[in-house]
Amino acid sequence: MLLKKYVSASGSVIAVWKIEEKAETLLAMLKQKNEYLPGFSKLQKERRQAEWLCSRLLVQMVCGDDKIICYNEHGKPFLNDG
């Protein structure tokens, strides 16, 4: 559940999610499911799946539905539109 969303005067956003949902519930909330299924399927523990999904849901809520978290060759995350 999204607990708090704060927008500073500079436009920075801080969002906090308290994970109470099961991974299957979180996956159903994600609008870009097909983009994320390959990465999600590699995670084995439900707690890690929930953490992984919540980070994507927060990006979806804060930045918009069309943002996708990608990774460079060193594993550093970035948004699909740079």
Foldseek 3Di string as FASTA:
>chain_A
DWDDWDADPVGDIDTDDDDPDWLVVLLVVQPPNVVCVVVLVVDDDRVVSSVVSVVRVVCCVRPHNPWDWDADPVRDTDTPVD
